[in-house]
């Protein structure tokens, strides 16, 4: 077993945690919180479902940006706060975004947010309309004022995931170029920026896998976790069945200095829809990772994931166990291991 350190992350002694249940016969080293889902339906007046949402530690507790599907069908981003990362209180209204001059600057819709601290700012990144599905960004220091930034890419793109620090002096972002619909294809790409405005140095990271569970498309999930071995990435993989798409959670490890290079890629899923709240909902059979919390002192990792486009679930692992599992079941291709240039 490798001993892998979590790097550049503050200690988190109050991380939500539950030991693996005795008698769990699943092969992968990821297990669910026994009280899932942590957020039920109709959590706020006017909001039917909260799912595909992101969480960070803040001021001794936890704060998050949440995809709230309103009863009129329009997705918006809501702010939530929690003392323990499990029980959440939400603002009654969605986040009010402003421009650099403090004037209102609201997206027409916003969904599947991620939330990452880079240096002194917390960055929210989501999918929105920019004459088609594209990526929106905002930053905050106090979770009271969210200032929107320039759109990083033209349509069509989604599943944007920001790294928690600059890589070789550059802000670094994963995304999944798509089309205007419920994309039946998709690979993960990497882009970099010196200033969070102008993005380039685009690289291919990895495409859909050989395994059945990710044979249609893949996309970024939680913000990569920096470890002594490389960037630990939880992502989603999609397969097609006679009943529609199925979304599972996979794992990979990227090179710390050139993260378009995949060091290891797990052949097996880490979590796939098996519980009622993952199999039954507005969009059935979905496990969609959006955030992690990690404690470098213990190696514990808590994974927040959307369930069936209806709920938020919580799962757990340890950095040593999940890295060992990914390495033991590595199936990265030569293309995965390359720099991603053509």
Protein backbone atom coordinates (compact mmCIF):
# COMPACT_ATOMS: atom_id res chain seq x y z
CA UNK A 1 0.00 0.00 0.00
CA UNK A 2 1.28 3.46 -0.92
CA UNK A 3 1.30 6.25 1.64
CA UNK A 4 0.03 9.28 -0.22
CA UNK A 5 -0.07 12.77 1.27
CA UNK A 6 -2.73 15.38 0.55
CA UNK A 7 -0.86 18.61 -0.26
CA UNK A 8 -1.64 22.33 0.01
CA UNK A 9 -4.87 21.84 1.92
CA UNK A 10 -5.61 23.08 5.46
CA UNK A 11 -6.36 20.61 8.22
CA UNK A 12 -10.08 19.85 8.44
CA UNK A 13 -10.71 18.09 11.77
CA UNK A 14 -14.48 18.63 11.45
CA UNK A 15 -14.76 16.91 8.05
CA UNK A 16 -18.06 15.02 7.74
CA UNK A 17 -17.21 11.38 8.29
CA UNK A 18 -18.63 7.91 8.80
CA UNK A 19 -16.57 4.73 8.91
CA UNK A 20 -17.13 2.09 6.29
CA UNK A 21 -19.98 -0.16 7.43
CA UNK A 22 -19.06 -3.64 8.56
CA UNK A 23 -19.94 -6.27 5.99
CA UNK A 24 -19.79 -3.88 3.01
CA UNK A 25 -18.86 -6.23 0.15
CA UNK A 26 -18.33 -3.63 -2.55
CA UNK A 27 -14.95 -3.86 -4.23
CA UNK A 28 -14.21 -0.14 -4.56
CA UNK A 29 -13.04 1.79 -1.47
CA UNK A 30 -15.91 4.31 -1.55
CA UNK A 31 -18.97 4.04 0.67
CA UNK A 32 -22.14 6.09 1.21
CA UNK A 33 -23.31 7.98 4.26
CA UNK A 34 -26.03 5.90 5.88
CA UNK A 35 -28.36 8.90 6.09
CA UNK A 36 -28.37 9.73 2.37
CA UNK A 37 -29.73 11.76 0.74
CA UNK A 38 -28.54 14.71 2.81
CA UNK A 39 -30.87 17.15 1.01
CA UNK A 40 -34.47 16.08 0.32
CA UNK A 41 -36.87 17.40 -2.30
CA UNK A 42 -38.56 20.80 -1.98
CA UNK A 43 -35.86 22.16 0.37
CA UNK A 44 -36.77 25.84 -0.15
CA UNK A 45 -40.09 27.44 -1.13
CA UNK A 46 -40.20 27.64 -4.91
CA UNK A 47 -37.39 25.08 -5.35
CA UNK A 48 -38.39 21.55 -6.28
CA UNK A 49 -34.96 19.89 -6.16
CA UNK A 50 -31.37 20.63 -5.16
CA UNK A 51 -28.59 18.51 -6.67
CA UNK A 52 -25.21 18.69 -8.48
CA UNK A 53 -23.83 21.12 -5.93
CA UNK A 54 -20.46 22.10 -4.42
CA UNK A 55 -19.17 22.65 -0.88
CA UNK A 56 -16.05 24.19 0.73
CA UNK A 57 -14.90 24.76 4.33
CA UNK A 58 -15.40 28.35 5.47
CA UNK A 59 -14.97 30.13 8.80
CA UNK A 60 -14.92 26.92 10.86
CA UNK A 61 -18.01 25.53 9.16
CA UNK A 62 -19.12 24.90 5.56
CA UNK A 63 -20.65 26.87 2.72
CA UNK A 64 -21.84 25.73 -0.68
CA UNK A 65 -23.31 26.75 -4.01
CA UNK A 66 -26.23 24.56 -4.98
CA UNK A 67 -28.14 23.87 -8.16
CA UNK A 68 -31.72 24.72 -7.30
CA UNK A 69 -34.31 23.63 -9.84
CA UNK A 70 -37.19 26.06 -9.44
CA UNK A 71 -40.80 25.00 -9.79
CA UNK A 72 -40.94 26.90 -13.09
CA UNK A 73 -38.17 24.65 -14.41
CA UNK A 74 -35.41 27.29 -14.47
CA UNK A 75 -32.19 26.23 -12.68
CA UNK A 76 -30.48 28.82 -10.49
CA UNK A 77 -27.67 28.86 -7.94
CA UNK A 78 -28.53 29.01 -4.26
CA UNK A 79 -26.20 29.58 -1.32
CA UNK A 80 -26.23 27.15 1.57
CA UNK A 81 -24.53 27.05 4.98
CA UNK A 82 -23.92 24.18 7.35
CA UNK A 83 -22.19 23.63 10.69
CA UNK A 84 -21.44 19.97 9.97
CA UNK A 85 -21.52 19.62 6.16
CA UNK A 86 -24.62 17.41 6.37
CA UNK A 87 -27.54 19.54 7.58
CA UNK A 88 -27.99 22.61 5.39
CA UNK A 89 -29.78 25.95 5.55
CA UNK A 90 -30.38 27.76 2.27
CA UNK A 91 -30.97 31.38 1.40
CA UNK A 92 -34.56 31.91 0.33
CA UNK A 93 -33.48 33.56 -2.93
CA UNK A 94 -30.83 32.62 -5.47
CA UNK A 95 -27.39 34.22 -5.56
CA UNK A 96 -27.49 37.80 -6.87
CA UNK A 97 -24.57 38.19 -9.26
CA UNK A 98 -23.10 41.60 -10.11
CA UNK A 99 -20.58 42.90 -12.64
CA UNK A 100 -17.26 44.60 -11.87
CA UNK A 101 -19.12 47.89 -11.25
CA UNK A 102 -21.50 46.32 -8.75
CA UNK A 103 -24.46 46.39 -11.14
CA UNK A 104 -26.80 43.40 -11.41
CA UNK A 105 -25.52 40.83 -13.93
CA UNK A 106 -27.64 37.71 -13.72
CA UNK A 107 -27.32 34.66 -15.98
CA UNK A 108 -30.52 33.56 -17.69
CA UNK A 109 -30.02 30.20 -16.01
CA UNK A 110 -27.19 28.52 -14.09
CA UNK A 111 -26.61 24.93 -13.09
CA UNK A 112 -24.07 22.33 -11.92
CA UNK A 113 -21.83 24.75 -10.00
CA UNK A 114 -18.39 24.00 -8.61
CA UNK A 115 -16.77 26.03 -5.84
CA UNK A 116 -12.99 26.27 -5.41
CA UNK A 117 -10.70 28.50 -3.37
CA UNK A 118 -7.67 29.73 -5.33
CA UNK A 119 -5.35 32.06 -3.43
CA UNK A 120 -7.54 34.74 -1.77
CA UNK A 121 -10.73 34.17 -3.75
CA UNK A 122 -13.51 31.60 -3.88
CA UNK A 123 -14.48 30.93 -7.49
CA UNK A 124 -17.88 29.59 -8.49
CA UNK A 125 -17.98 28.01 -11.95
CA UNK A 126 -21.17 26.76 -13.57
CA UNK A 127 -22.96 26.06 -16.85
CA UNK A 128 -25.12 28.85 -18.26
CA UNK A 129 -26.51 30.33 -21.46
CA UNK A 130 -24.05 32.35 -23.57
CA UNK A 131 -25.92 31.97 -26.86
CA UNK A 132 -25.85 28.26 -26.09
CA UNK A 133 -24.59 26.13 -23.23
CA UNK A 134 -21.34 27.59 -21.96
CA UNK A 135 -19.36 28.29 -18.80
CA UNK A 136 -20.00 31.07 -16.30
CA UNK A 137 -17.69 32.27 -13.54
CA UNK A 138 -17.86 34.49 -10.49
CA UNK A 139 -15.68 35.15 -7.48
CA UNK A 140 -16.26 36.16 -3.87
CA UNK A 141 -14.37 36.58 -0.64
CA UNK A 142 -17.29 36.89 1.77
CA UNK A 143 -20.15 34.90 0.15
CA UNK A 144 -22.21 38.08 0.17
CA UNK A 145 -21.02 39.66 -3.10
CA UNK A 146 -20.50 37.44 -6.15
CA UNK A 147 -18.82 39.28 -9.03
CA UNK A 148 -19.14 37.67 -12.43
CA UNK A 149 -16.08 37.36 -14.65
CA UNK A 150 -15.76 37.18 -18.41
CA UNK A 151 -17.08 34.05 -20.10
CA UNK A 152 -13.97 31.88 -20.56
CA UNK A 153 -15.14 30.05 -23.71
CA UNK A 154 -17.62 30.37 -26.55
CA UNK A 155 -20.43 27.78 -26.79
CA UNK A 156 -20.70 24.92 -26.49
CA UNK A 157 -19.03 23.81 -23.28
CA UNK A 158 -19.86 22.64 -19.78
CA UNK A 159 -18.55 20.70 -16.76
CA UNK A 160 -15.91 23.29 -15.93
CA UNK A 161 -13.67 22.42 -12.97
CA UNK A 162 -11.02 24.81 -11.63
CA UNK A 163 -7.80 23.55 -10.03
CA UNK A 164 -7.25 24.82 -6.46
CA UNK A 165 -3.93 26.47 -7.29
CA UNK A 166 -2.04 27.79 -10.28
CA UNK A 167 -0.04 25.20 -12.20
CA UNK A 168 3.24 26.60 -13.51
CA UNK A 169 1.96 30.07 -12.74
CA UNK A 170 -1.30 29.62 -14.66
CA UNK A 171 -4.90 29.22 -13.55
CA UNK A 172 -5.93 25.79 -14.80
CA UNK A 173 -9.39 24.56 -15.77
CA UNK A 174 -10.93 21.31 -16.97
CA UNK A 175 -13.94 21.44 -19.28
CA UNK A 176 -16.00 19.24 -21.59
CA UNK A 177 -16.73 20.74 -25.05
CA UNK A 178 -20.21 19.68 -26.12
CA UNK A 179 -23.06 20.67 -28.37
CA UNK A 180 -26.38 22.41 -27.76
CA UNK A 181 -28.19 19.33 -26.51
CA UNK A 182 -27.79 16.50 -24.04
CA UNK A 183 -24.46 15.66 -25.57
CA UNK A 184 -24.02 12.05 -26.74
CA UNK A 185 -20.23 12.48 -26.70
CA UNK A 186 -17.56 14.25 -24.68
CA UNK A 187 -13.90 14.28 -23.62
CA UNK A 188 -12.14 16.18 -20.85
CA UNK A 189 -9.88 19.05 -21.96
CA UNK A 190 -7.55 21.35 -20.02
CA UNK A 191 -7.09 25.10 -20.53
CA UNK A 192 -4.90 27.67 -18.77
CA UNK A 193 -5.02 31.41 -18.14
CA UNK A 194 -2.65 33.99 -16.63
CA UNK A 195 -5.52 36.17 -15.38
CA UNK A 196 -8.86 34.26 -15.38
CA UNK A 197 -9.86 36.28 -18.49
CA UNK A 198 -7.88 34.99 -21.45
CA UNK A 199 -7.79 31.22 -21.79
CA UNK A 200 -5.54 29.11 -24.02
CA UNK A 201 -2.86 26.41 -24.02
CA UNK A 202 -5.66 23.91 -24.56
CA UNK A 203 -4.82 20.23 -24.07
CA UNK A 204 -6.76 16.98 -24.36
CA UNK A 205 -6.73 15.11 -21.04
CA UNK A 206 -8.71 11.95 -21.70
CA UNK A 207 -11.63 10.65 -23.73
CA UNK A 208 -14.39 8.18 -23.11
CA UNK A 209 -13.09 4.90 -21.74
CA UNK A 210 -12.95 1.32 -22.93
CA UNK A 211 -15.04 0.15 -19.98
CA UNK A 212 -18.81 -0.02 -20.45
CA UNK A 213 -19.60 2.43 -17.64
CA UNK A 214 -17.84 5.35 -19.42
CA UNK A 215 -18.23 4.28 -23.04
CA UNK A 216 -20.40 7.25 -24.16
CA UNK A 217 -18.76 10.31 -22.58
CA UNK A 218 -16.93 11.61 -19.55
CA UNK A 219 -16.71 14.95 -17.74
CA UNK A 220 -14.99 16.65 -14.86
CA UNK A 221 -16.36 16.27 -11.36
CA UNK A 222 -14.91 17.63 -8.15
CA UNK A 223 -11.93 19.99 -8.11
CA UNK A 224 -8.72 17.93 -8.35
CA UNK A 225 -7.06 17.10 -5.02
CA UNK A 226 -3.31 17.69 -4.98
CA UNK A 227 -1.40 14.72 -3.58
CA UNK A 228 2.24 13.69 -3.38
CA UNK A 229 1.61 11.33 -6.31
CA UNK A 230 -0.38 13.68 -8.55
CA UNK A 231 -3.77 15.33 -8.92
CA UNK A 232 -6.52 12.98 -7.72
CA UNK A 233 -9.56 13.50 -9.95
CA UNK A 234 -13.07 12.20 -9.34
CA UNK A 235 -14.97 12.48 -12.61
CA UNK A 236 -18.20 11.17 -14.12
CA UNK A 237 -18.50 8.55 -16.83
CA UNK A 238 -21.64 7.85 -18.84
CA UNK A 239 -22.92 4.74 -20.55
CA UNK A 240 -26.03 4.16 -22.65
CA UNK A 241 -28.66 1.54 -21.92
CA UNK A 242 -32.06 0.68 -23.35
CA UNK A 243 -33.49 2.86 -20.56
CA UNK A 244 -31.21 5.85 -21.14
CA UNK A 245 -27.91 7.17 -19.83
CA UNK A 246 -26.30 5.96 -16.59
CA UNK A 247 -23.82 8.24 -14.76
CA UNK A 248 -21.12 6.71 -12.55
CA UNK A 249 -18.14 8.12 -10.64
CA UNK A 250 -14.62 7.26 -11.78
CA UNK A 251 -11.13 8.12 -10.60
CA UNK A 252 -7.84 9.15 -12.22
CA UNK A 253 -4.50 10.65 -11.20
CA UNK A 254 -3.00 13.47 -13.28
CA UNK A 255 0.59 14.68 -13.42
CA UNK A 256 1.20 17.53 -10.94
CA UNK A 257 3.25 19.66 -13.32
CA UNK A 258 1.51 18.81 -16.61
CA UNK A 259 -2.02 17.73 -15.64
CA UNK A 260 -3.03 16.98 -19.23
CA UNK A 261 -0.96 13.81 -18.73
CA UNK A 262 -2.86 10.97 -17.06
CA UNK A 263 -0.66 8.86 -14.79
CA UNK A 264 -3.34 6.36 -13.77
CA UNK A 265 -6.96 5.85 -14.77
CA UNK A 266 -9.17 3.36 -12.99
CA UNK A 267 -10.79 0.74 -15.22
CA UNK A 268 -13.63 0.27 -12.72
CA UNK A 269 -16.17 2.77 -11.48
CA UNK A 270 -15.84 3.93 -7.88
CA UNK A 271 -19.58 4.48 -7.38
CA UNK A 272 -22.53 3.67 -9.64
CA UNK A 273 -26.30 4.04 -9.11
CA UNK A 274 -27.45 1.32 -6.73
CA UNK A 275 -29.55 3.04 -4.06
CA UNK A 276 -33.13 4.25 -4.53
CA UNK A 277 -32.17 7.94 -4.43
CA UNK A 278 -29.62 7.34 -7.24
CA UNK A 279 -31.80 5.10 -9.37
CA UNK A 280 -35.14 6.89 -8.96
CA UNK A 281 -35.68 10.58 -9.56
CA UNK A 282 -36.21 13.31 -12.14
CA UNK A 283 -33.36 11.85 -14.22
CA UNK A 284 -32.85 8.25 -13.04
CA UNK A 285 -29.54 6.43 -12.61
CA UNK A 286 -27.19 9.32 -11.89
CA UNK A 287 -24.19 9.64 -9.56
CA UNK A 288 -22.59 12.99 -10.44
CA UNK A 289 -19.60 14.21 -8.36
CA UNK A 290 -19.24 17.96 -7.83
CA UNK A 291 -17.12 18.51 -4.71
CA UNK A 292 -14.87 16.96 -2.11
CA UNK A 293 -13.70 17.88 1.36
CA UNK A 294 -10.36 16.46 2.49
CA UNK A 295 -8.34 16.38 5.69
CA UNK A 296 -4.58 16.03 5.10
CA UNK A 297 -3.95 14.93 8.69
CA UNK A 298 -6.11 11.79 8.43
CA UNK A 299 -6.33 11.32 4.66
CA UNK A 300 -10.14 11.30 4.87
CA UNK A 301 -12.11 12.46 1.82
CA UNK A 302 -15.83 13.27 1.71
CA UNK A 303 -17.42 13.30 -1.76
CA UNK A 304 -20.58 15.31 -2.54
CA UNK A 305 -22.51 14.03 -5.52
CA UNK A 306 -25.81 14.64 -7.27
CA UNK A 307 -28.29 11.78 -7.24
CA UNK A 308 -30.84 11.23 -10.04
CA UNK A 309 -31.06 15.03 -10.61
CA UNK A 310 -33.16 15.12 -7.45
CA UNK A 311 -30.96 14.87 -4.34
CA UNK A 312 -27.48 15.41 -2.91
CA UNK A 313 -25.59 12.40 -1.59
CA UNK A 314 -22.44 12.07 0.50
CA UNK A 315 -19.81 9.34 0.19
CA UNK A 316 -16.44 8.67 1.79
CA UNK A 317 -13.00 7.27 1.08
CA UNK A 318 -9.38 7.74 2.15
CA UNK A 319 -6.60 9.00 -0.07
CA UNK A 320 -4.43 5.91 0.43
CA UNK A 321 -7.25 3.47 -0.28
CA UNK A 322 -8.61 5.19 -3.38
CA UNK A 323 -5.16 5.85 -4.88
CA UNK A 324 -4.14 2.23 -4.31
CA UNK A 325 -7.35 1.07 -5.98
CA UNK A 326 -6.87 3.35 -8.99
CA UNK A 327 -3.27 2.16 -9.44
CA UNK A 328 -4.20 -1.51 -9.01
CA UNK A 329 -6.89 -1.18 -11.71
CA UNK A 330 -5.05 1.23 -14.00
CA UNK A 331 -6.12 1.10 -17.63
CA UNK A 332 -4.82 4.45 -18.94
CA UNK A 333 -4.09 4.40 -22.66
CA UNK A 334 -0.99 5.73 -24.40
CA UNK A 335 -3.10 8.68 -25.55
CA UNK A 336 -4.18 9.38 -21.96
CA UNK A 337 -0.54 9.46 -20.88
CA UNK A 338 0.42 11.93 -23.61
CA UNK A 339 0.45 15.71 -23.40
CA UNK A 340 -2.80 16.04 -25.37
CA UNK A 341 -1.48 17.94 -28.38
CA UNK A 342 -2.08 17.24 -32.07
